[in-house]
Protein backbone atom coordinates (compact mmCIF):
# COMPACT_ATOMS: atom_id res chain seq x y z
CA UNK A 1 -14.04 -8.68 4.73
CA UNK A 2 -15.68 -5.30 4.24
CA UNK A 3 -14.09 -4.11 7.46
CA UNK A 4 -10.72 -5.39 6.32
CA UNK A 5 -11.00 -3.58 2.98
CA UNK A 6 -12.48 -0.33 4.21
CA UNK A 7 -10.51 0.03 7.40
CA UNK A 8 -7.25 -1.87 7.47
CA UNK A 9 -6.25 -1.83 3.80
CA UNK A 10 -7.56 1.70 3.28
CA UNK A 11 -5.31 2.93 6.11
CA UNK A 12 -2.24 1.88 4.14
CA UNK A 13 -3.51 3.68 1.03
CA UNK A 14 -4.44 6.85 2.92
CA UNK A 15 -1.13 7.03 4.79
CA UNK A 16 0.83 6.38 1.60
CA UNK A 17 -1.01 9.17 -0.23
CA UNK A 18 -0.37 11.61 2.64
CA UNK A 19 3.33 10.77 2.66
CA UNK A 20 3.64 11.21 -1.10
CA UNK A 21 1.78 14.52 -0.87
CA UNK A 22 4.18 15.60 1.86
CA UNK A 23 7.12 15.01 -0.48
CA UNK A 24 5.43 16.67 -3.47
CA UNK A 25 4.15 19.70 -1.57
CA UNK A 26 7.22 20.46 0.51
CA UNK A 27 8.00 24.19 0.15
CA UNK A 28 11.72 23.45 0.34
CA UNK A 29 13.86 20.46 -0.57
CA UNK A 30 13.81 17.85 2.18
CA UNK A 31 17.11 17.12 3.85
CA UNK A 32 18.58 13.60 3.65
CA UNK A 33 17.39 12.68 7.16
CA UNK A 34 13.82 13.73 6.37
CA UNK A 35 13.93 11.82 3.08
CA UNK A 36 15.24 8.66 4.75
CA UNK A 37 12.52 8.77 7.40
CA UNK A 38 9.81 9.36 4.79
CA UNK A 39 11.25 6.59 2.61
CA UNK A 40 10.87 4.10 5.49
CA UNK A 41 7.25 5.09 6.02
CA UNK A 42 6.52 5.09 2.28
CA UNK A 43 8.07 1.63 1.92
CA UNK A 44 6.04 0.27 4.86
CA UNK A 45 2.71 1.64 3.63
CA UNK A 46 3.35 0.81 -0.03
CA UNK A 47 4.25 -2.73 1.05
CA UNK A 48 1.04 -3.00 3.06
CA UNK A 49 -0.94 -1.90 0.04
CA UNK A 50 0.87 -4.30 -2.33
CA UNK A 51 0.40 -7.23 0.07
CA UNK A 52 -3.31 -6.51 0.34
CA UNK A 53 -3.70 -6.15 -3.43
CA UNK A 54 -2.08 -9.58 -3.81
CA UNK A 55 -4.38 -10.97 -1.13
CA UNK A 56 -7.53 -9.67 -2.84
CA UNK A 57 -6.40 -10.93 -6.24
CA UNK A 58 -5.71 -14.33 -4.73
CA UNK A 59 -9.29 -14.53 -3.48
CA UNK A 60 -10.78 -13.92 -6.94
CA UNK A 61 -11.88 -16.90 -9.02
CA UNK A 62 -9.26 -18.20 -11.45
CA UNK A 63 -11.65 -17.35 -14.28
CA UNK A 64 -11.32 -13.71 -13.26
CA UNK A 65 -7.52 -13.79 -13.09
CA UNK A 66 -7.44 -14.64 -9.40
CA UNK A 67 -5.05 -16.97 -7.66
CA UNK A 68 -4.41 -20.52 -8.73
CA UNK A 69 -6.07 -23.45 -7.01
CA UNK A 70 -4.09 -24.68 -3.97
CA UNK A 71 -3.62 -28.17 -5.44
CA UNK A 72 -2.06 -26.89 -8.70
């Protein structure tokens, strides 16, 4: 699991941050084609992050606001 957290999930977070920085730090307004391409990549990496956050929360004990028991 440590490998999954520190490598796979972290890649989504790192790539998402780089993409958002690219938008924020652009010296000129991005054209519509650039924005559409970045939006696809942002959506993909944000989705990967959200899916992993849900996964980790689901693994936590119910007492710590984790997922519900499978038989519920």
